[in-house]
Protein backbone atom coordinates (compact mmCIF):
# COMPACT_ATOMS: atom_id res chain seq x y z
CA VAL A 1 36.23 86.52 124.68
CA ALA A 2 38.14 85.12 126.17
CA ALA A 3 36.08 83.77 128.91
CA LEU A 4 33.21 82.11 126.42
CA GLU A 5 36.85 80.02 123.89
CA ALA A 6 37.92 78.77 127.49
CA ARG A 7 34.21 77.21 128.33
CA GLY A 8 34.76 75.80 124.64
CA HIS A 9 32.68 78.40 122.91
CA PRO A 10 34.21 79.14 119.12
CA VAL A 11 33.81 83.33 119.03
CA GLY A 12 33.96 85.74 116.21
CA VAL A 13 33.66 89.57 116.64
CA ALA A 14 32.43 91.97 114.74
CA PRO A 15 35.02 94.11 112.98
CA LEU A 16 33.28 97.39 114.86
CA VAL A 17 35.37 100.68 116.30
CA PHE A 18 34.54 103.37 118.10
CA THR A 19 34.70 105.96 114.73
CA ASP A 20 32.15 103.51 112.77
CA TRP A 21 29.25 105.02 114.72
CA LEU A 22 30.30 108.45 112.91
CA GLN A 23 28.64 107.06 109.85
CA ILE A 24 25.70 107.62 111.08
CA LEU A 25 25.94 111.37 111.23
CA LYS A 26 24.63 112.00 107.21
CA SER A 27 21.38 110.81 108.60
CA ILE A 28 21.56 114.00 110.92
CA PRO A 29 20.52 116.04 106.87
CA THR A 30 17.60 114.04 106.31
CA PRO A 31 13.89 115.11 106.98
CA GLU A 32 13.58 111.32 108.52
CA TYR A 33 15.65 111.91 111.21
CA TRP A 34 14.20 115.49 112.47
CA ARG A 35 10.62 113.40 112.12
CA ALA A 36 12.11 110.31 114.29
CA ASP A 37 11.29 108.00 111.16
CA LEU A 38 14.41 106.47 110.73
CA SER A 39 15.55 103.01 109.29
CA PRO A 40 18.40 101.26 110.52
CA ASP A 41 18.48 100.28 106.75
CA LYS A 42 19.51 103.26 106.08
CA ALA A 43 21.02 104.29 108.98
CA LEU A 44 23.32 101.42 110.15
CA PRO A 45 24.51 99.68 107.26
CA PHE A 46 28.06 99.59 108.48
CA TYR A 47 26.27 97.66 111.42
CA TYR A 48 25.42 95.17 109.27
CA LYS A 49 28.42 95.04 107.66
CA ALA A 50 30.35 93.82 110.61
CA ILE A 51 27.81 91.30 111.68
CA GLU A 52 28.30 89.44 107.89
CA ALA A 53 32.15 89.55 108.22
CA GLY A 54 32.13 88.23 111.61
CA ALA A 55 29.54 85.80 111.18
CA ALA A 56 31.18 84.95 107.47
CA ALA A 57 34.93 84.54 109.32
CA LEU A 58 32.90 82.00 112.09
CA ARG A 59 31.75 80.00 109.18
CA ASN A 60 34.31 79.72 107.34
CA GLU A 61 35.96 78.30 110.41
CA TYR A 62 33.49 75.69 111.28
CA PRO A 63 32.20 75.03 108.00
CA GLY A 64 28.59 73.80 108.76
CA ARG A 65 27.91 74.81 112.01
CA LYS A 66 25.06 78.17 112.70
CA VAL A 67 26.05 81.34 114.37
CA GLN A 68 24.92 82.24 117.36
CA LEU A 69 24.35 85.99 117.60
CA LEU A 70 25.07 87.67 121.29
CA ALA A 71 25.13 91.69 121.88
CA HIS A 72 25.22 94.29 124.24
CA SER A 73 23.25 97.35 124.58
CA ILE A 74 21.96 98.51 121.43
CA GLY A 75 23.38 95.73 119.53
CA GLY A 76 21.01 93.87 120.86
CA TRP A 77 18.23 95.44 118.91
CA ILE A 78 20.24 96.07 115.84
CA SER A 79 20.65 92.11 115.25
CA ARG A 80 16.69 91.91 115.45
CA ALA A 81 16.46 94.19 112.77
CA TYR A 82 19.91 92.87 111.00
CA LEU A 83 18.20 89.56 111.12
CA GLY A 84 14.60 90.48 109.77
CA GLN A 85 15.34 92.07 106.85
CA LEU A 86 17.85 89.14 105.93
CA PRO A 87 16.06 86.23 103.08
CA ALA A 88 14.21 83.64 105.58
CA GLU A 89 16.14 80.73 104.07
CA GLU A 90 19.54 83.16 104.35
CA ARG A 91 18.93 83.56 108.01
CA SER A 92 17.55 79.51 109.07
CA ALA A 93 20.87 78.37 107.05
CA THR A 94 23.28 80.68 108.14
CA PHE A 95 22.24 81.49 112.23
CA SER A 96 20.58 79.71 115.26
CA ALA A 97 20.34 82.19 118.22
CA LEU A 98 19.73 86.25 119.38
CA ALA A 99 21.37 86.71 122.58
CA THR A 100 20.63 90.29 124.09
CA LEU A 101 22.72 91.49 126.96
CA GLY A 102 21.18 95.02 128.86
CA THR A 103 19.58 95.45 125.36
CA PRO A 104 16.71 98.58 125.60
CA HIS A 105 14.29 96.35 123.31
CA ALA A 106 10.97 98.56 124.00
CA PRO A 107 10.87 101.90 122.29
CA PRO A 108 9.70 105.52 124.22
CA PRO A 109 6.33 105.43 125.34
CA GLU A 110 4.13 107.75 123.14
CA GLY A 111 3.89 111.47 123.82
CA PHE A 112 6.75 113.84 124.48
CA PHE A 113 9.22 110.88 125.15
CA ARG A 114 8.84 109.60 121.65
CA THR A 115 9.37 113.45 120.40
CA ILE A 116 13.04 112.70 122.05
CA ASP A 117 13.81 109.37 121.57
CA GLN A 118 16.82 109.17 121.66
CA THR A 119 17.29 106.30 118.28
CA ARG A 120 15.44 108.99 116.40
CA GLY A 121 12.33 106.32 115.42
CA LEU A 122 14.59 102.69 114.62
CA LEU A 123 14.12 101.52 117.87
CA ARG A 124 10.10 102.14 116.82
CA PHE A 125 10.71 100.49 113.78
CA VAL A 126 12.12 96.87 114.39
CA GLU A 127 10.01 96.77 117.46
CA GLU A 128 6.76 97.49 114.81
CA ARG A 129 8.36 94.95 112.04
CA TYR A 130 9.85 92.42 113.94
CA PRO A 131 8.01 92.13 117.68
CA GLY A 132 9.04 90.04 120.16
CA ALA A 133 10.91 86.90 119.32
CA PHE A 134 9.71 87.36 115.68
CA HIS A 135 11.62 84.55 113.84
CA PRO A 136 10.13 80.61 114.93
CA GLU A 137 13.78 79.36 113.94
CA LEU A 138 15.32 81.13 116.39
CA ARG A 139 16.55 80.65 119.92
CA TYR A 140 15.86 84.03 121.62
CA LEU A 141 17.04 84.83 125.30
CA THR A 142 17.20 88.44 127.03
CA VAL A 143 19.09 89.19 129.51
CA GLY A 144 18.33 92.14 132.09
CA SER A 145 19.26 92.69 135.87
CA ARG A 146 17.79 95.90 138.37
CA ALA A 147 20.99 95.86 140.11
CA GLN A 148 20.46 100.05 139.93
CA ARG A 149 17.05 101.90 140.86
CA GLY A 150 17.09 105.41 139.18
CA ALA A 151 16.90 107.97 142.35
CA LEU A 152 16.71 111.64 142.07
CA PRO A 153 19.63 113.11 143.64
CA GLY A 154 18.50 112.59 147.58
CA GLY A 155 16.37 109.66 146.68
CA GLY A 156 18.30 107.22 148.96
CA ALA A 157 19.88 105.34 145.90
CA GLY A 158 22.75 106.25 145.53
CA LEU A 159 23.78 109.73 144.51
CA VAL A 160 25.94 109.40 141.42
CA GLY A 161 24.06 105.78 140.55
CA GLY A 162 20.93 106.64 140.62
CA ALA A 163 20.99 110.39 139.03
CA LEU A 164 22.39 108.83 136.33
CA ALA A 165 20.02 105.64 136.30
CA TYR A 166 17.68 108.06 136.19
CA ALA A 167 18.15 110.16 133.62
CA SER A 168 18.71 106.80 131.31
CA TYR A 169 15.87 104.90 132.49
CA LEU A 170 13.13 108.59 132.09
CA PRO A 171 13.44 108.85 128.48
CA LEU A 172 14.03 104.93 127.55
CA GLY A 173 11.12 104.39 129.55
CA GLY A 174 8.86 106.72 130.72
CA GLU A 175 9.84 106.06 133.77
CA GLY A 176 13.21 107.15 136.03
CA GLY A 177 12.54 105.31 139.84
CA VAL A 178 12.65 101.97 138.51
CA GLU A 179 15.10 99.05 138.60
CA GLY A 180 17.61 98.39 136.59
CA ASP A 181 21.45 98.37 135.15
CA GLY A 182 22.13 101.42 135.87
CA ILE A 183 21.17 102.29 131.97
CA THR A 184 18.61 99.61 130.28
CA PRO A 185 15.43 99.24 132.65
CA LEU A 186 15.15 95.78 133.54
CA ARG A 187 10.93 96.20 132.19
CA CYS A 188 13.12 97.12 128.67
CA ALA A 189 15.49 94.39 128.37
CA HIS A 190 13.15 91.52 127.76
CA LEU A 191 11.08 90.42 124.32
CA ASP A 192 8.13 88.68 124.97
CA GLY A 193 8.02 85.18 123.76
CA ALA A 194 11.83 85.14 124.39
CA GLU A 195 13.57 83.28 127.62
CA GLN A 196 14.43 85.92 130.14
CA ARG A 197 16.98 85.99 132.72
CA GLU A 198 18.11 88.04 135.46
CA VAL A 199 21.61 88.57 136.91
CA GLU A 200 22.89 91.50 139.51
CA ALA A 201 25.01 93.00 137.00
CA TYR A 202 25.52 96.69 135.61
CA HIS A 203 25.05 97.78 132.05
CA ILE A 204 29.51 98.23 131.81
CA ALA A 205 32.24 98.02 133.83
CA PHE A 206 34.07 100.52 131.07
CA VAL A 207 34.26 103.78 130.06
CA PRO A 208 33.13 104.03 127.28
CA GLY A 209 35.66 105.06 124.08
CA SER A 210 38.62 104.06 125.80
CA GLY A 211 38.15 100.59 127.20
CA THR A 212 39.52 101.66 131.32
CA ARG A 213 37.96 98.95 133.49
CA LEU A 214 36.02 100.25 135.90
CA LEU A 215 37.27 98.10 138.96
CA GLY A 216 35.44 95.64 140.94
CA CYS A 217 32.19 96.75 138.89
CA ARG A 218 30.17 93.57 138.05
CA TRP A 219 28.84 93.84 134.57
CA TYR A 220 27.35 90.79 131.96
CA GLY A 221 30.56 89.81 130.07
CA SER A 222 31.97 89.20 134.25
CA PRO A 223 32.86 85.84 134.54
CA ASP A 224 31.98 85.87 138.33
CA GLY A 225 28.47 86.38 137.96
CA GLY A 226 27.05 89.24 134.69
CA GLY A 227 25.69 87.34 132.09
CA GLY A 228 28.06 84.50 132.64
C-alpha cells in the first residue's frame, strides 16, 4: 500500500481480517459443498461486503473517480465473481479495471481433480459464468510467475520449495512438475483476453495469519520487482 501511495496512487483496502474466513464454515454442512457445487453469492457474501466497503471509502474520498481493483491469489477470482453479480450500470459506473496477482483463474480439470476441488465448485462457477476478460468495459491485467518449478523430492527444484509447489500445482492444474509462483501454476494465472504479464516473484513473502515477513523473498508486492 505504501509503495503505491508513494507513486501517487490513492489506495483503499478491503477491510478483511483472517477470522472473516471462518464464515465460510457455514457452507460445509450443505449439499452444495459436498457436491462441489457452491456459488460465491451464497458462500462469500462477507468478501463482497469488504470489496464494497473499500470501494465506497475510496469513492467518498475521491468523488467522480472510478476504482481499479487489485487482487492477490484467490481474491482475483472472487473479484471476478463480485463484478459479475453487479448490475451492469453500477459496475461500469464504479469500476474501471481488475488486476490480479498470482490468481488461480482456471478451475481444476475434469475427473479426479475436479472431485477434490479445494474451492468446492466456486472457481468453476466463476469460470463458467464470467470466462476470460468478460466485461468489455473493464480493463483486465493478469500477472503470473515461473519462479518455482514443482518437483517431487529429489527432482532438483529445491527439496522444500519444489515439493510444496508440486503439491499445490497438482490439484489446481492436474500437473505438478510445471512452473509457477510456488502456489499458483503459471498456466492458471492468466485470463484469455486480458493483458498478461510475467514477473519473477513468489506467491507470498510472509507467514499467512501472522504477517511475519520472510526476509529476502520477493513476492508480487515487492517494490524491487514483483508486481511493481
